[in-house]
Protein backbone atom coordinates (compact mmCIF):
# COMPACT_ATOMS: atom_id res chain seq x y z
CA MET A 1 0.00 0.00 0.00
CA LYS A 2 2.78 2.43 0.95
CA LYS A 3 4.68 1.64 -2.27
CA THR A 4 1.57 2.39 -4.35
CA ILE A 5 1.03 5.73 -2.62
CA VAL A 6 4.70 6.71 -2.99
CA PHE A 7 4.68 5.64 -6.64
CA CYS A 8 1.52 7.70 -7.37
CA PHE A 9 2.98 10.71 -5.58
CA LEU A 10 6.21 10.46 -7.59
CA ALA A 11 4.32 10.01 -10.87
CA VAL A 12 2.14 13.08 -10.22
CA SER A 13 5.19 15.12 -9.16
CA LEU A 14 7.05 14.19 -12.34
CA LEU A 15 4.05 15.11 -14.49
CA LEU A 16 3.77 18.52 -12.81
CA LEU A 17 7.48 19.22 -13.18
CA ALA A 18 7.58 18.05 -16.80
CA THR A 19 4.66 20.25 -17.87
CA PRO A 20 5.97 23.48 -19.42
CA GLN A 21 5.15 26.50 -17.32
CA PRO A 22 3.60 29.51 -19.08
CA THR A 23 5.78 32.58 -19.35
CA ILE A 24 4.68 36.18 -19.54
CA SER A 25 6.38 38.35 -22.12
CA LEU A 26 5.14 41.91 -22.16
CA THR A 27 5.71 43.50 -25.56
CA SER A 28 3.09 46.23 -25.50
CA ALA A 29 1.61 48.79 -23.14
CA VAL A 30 -0.90 51.62 -23.12
CA VAL A 31 0.97 54.87 -22.45
CA LYS A 32 0.74 58.63 -22.25
CA VAL A 33 2.77 60.30 -25.01
CA THR A 34 4.34 63.74 -24.85
CA ALA A 35 7.01 65.51 -26.88
CA TYR A 36 10.25 67.19 -25.87
CA CYS A 37 12.79 69.47 -27.49
CA HIS A 38 16.40 69.92 -26.45
CA SER A 39 19.79 69.98 -28.07
CA GLY A 40 22.67 67.76 -27.13
CA ARG A 41 22.87 64.05 -26.57
CA THR A 42 20.49 61.34 -25.44
CA ALA A 43 21.04 58.98 -22.51
CA SER A 44 22.50 56.48 -24.99
CA GLY A 45 25.10 59.06 -26.04
CA ILE A 46 23.92 59.81 -29.58
CA PRO A 47 22.89 63.30 -30.72
CA VAL A 48 19.15 64.02 -30.62
CA GLN A 49 17.49 63.60 -34.00
CA ASP A 50 14.18 62.75 -35.66
CA GLY A 51 12.83 59.35 -34.73
CA ILE A 52 14.18 59.35 -31.16
CA LEU A 53 12.02 58.30 -28.22
CA ALA A 54 12.50 58.55 -24.46
CA LEU A 55 10.73 56.04 -22.23
CA SER A 56 9.90 56.08 -18.55
CA ARG A 57 12.10 53.67 -16.65
CA ASP A 58 9.22 51.40 -15.63
CA LEU A 59 8.41 50.75 -19.31
CA GLU A 60 12.08 50.28 -20.13
CA TYR A 61 12.27 47.56 -17.49
CA GLN A 62 8.87 45.93 -18.16
CA LEU A 63 9.41 45.72 -21.91
CA GLY A 64 13.06 44.68 -21.61
CA MET A 65 14.12 47.63 -23.76
CA ARG A 66 17.70 48.33 -24.78
CA PHE A 67 19.01 51.42 -26.49
CA GLY A 68 18.38 51.15 -30.21
CA ASP A 69 15.25 48.98 -29.88
CA LEU A 70 12.31 50.10 -32.00
CA VAL A 71 8.81 50.80 -30.74
CA LYS A 72 5.67 51.62 -32.64
CA LEU A 73 3.30 54.21 -31.23
CA GLU A 74 -0.11 53.53 -32.71
CA GLY A 75 -1.07 56.34 -35.05
CA LEU A 76 2.21 58.23 -34.51
CA GLY A 77 4.93 56.13 -36.12
CA THR A 78 7.97 54.03 -35.27
CA TYR A 79 10.73 55.36 -33.03
CA ALA A 80 14.12 54.24 -31.72
CA PHE A 81 14.50 54.05 -27.93
CA GLU A 82 17.60 56.16 -27.25
CA ASP A 83 16.69 58.31 -24.24
CA ARG A 84 15.31 57.98 -20.71
CA MET A 85 12.78 60.07 -18.86
CA ALA A 86 13.07 61.30 -15.28
CA SER A 87 12.81 58.52 -12.70
CA TYR A 88 9.47 59.73 -11.32
CA LYS A 89 7.66 59.39 -14.68
CA ARG A 90 5.47 56.31 -15.11
CA ARG A 91 3.98 54.63 -18.23
CA GLN A 92 5.04 57.47 -20.47
CA ALA A 93 6.81 57.91 -23.81
CA ASP A 94 8.35 61.18 -24.96
CA ILE A 95 9.16 61.76 -28.65
CA TRP A 96 11.83 64.25 -29.71
CA LEU A 97 10.82 67.15 -31.93
CA PRO A 98 13.26 69.73 -33.32
CA ARG A 99 11.38 72.86 -32.23
CA TYR A 100 9.83 73.87 -28.92
CA ALA A 101 6.69 75.19 -30.66
CA GLU A 102 6.15 71.78 -32.29
CA ALA A 103 6.52 70.00 -28.97
CA MET A 104 3.99 72.36 -27.36
CA ARG A 105 1.54 71.87 -30.25
CA PHE A 106 1.92 68.09 -29.92
CA GLY A 107 0.61 68.33 -26.37
CA VAL A 108 -0.33 65.17 -24.47
CA LYS A 109 -1.85 62.08 -26.05
CA TYR A 110 -3.49 59.55 -23.74
CA ASN A 111 -4.17 55.83 -24.16
CA ILE A 112 -1.72 55.28 -27.01
CA MET A 113 -0.68 51.69 -27.68
CA LEU A 114 3.09 51.25 -27.58
CA VAL A 115 4.34 48.03 -29.19
CA LYS A 116 7.93 46.80 -29.03
CA VAL A 117 9.12 45.87 -32.52
CA ILE A 118 10.84 42.51 -32.30
């Protein structure tokens, strides 16, 4: 009787361990999008230019972003992640624009889908 119970326990344990466990891979998020304008270099060290995006650090971590990775902002285009936002910002993307007036006109866009291009 004991051998049967031990055998059943071991069989069930092996089945549970052998079953692949689901993994979570976050590749998209709903974010607030703003625009910024400054001269100089990004956090990655390259000069600011069209197509550059800064991300809040929580998104950088959650999406597993590295400098140079591409993201698509639904309805806005595709951008290269090359800059970081201030540490207190959350769930936010900031696109670089060459002129302050353009950045102000861009304003704030809410509930934009950000998708990491893989």
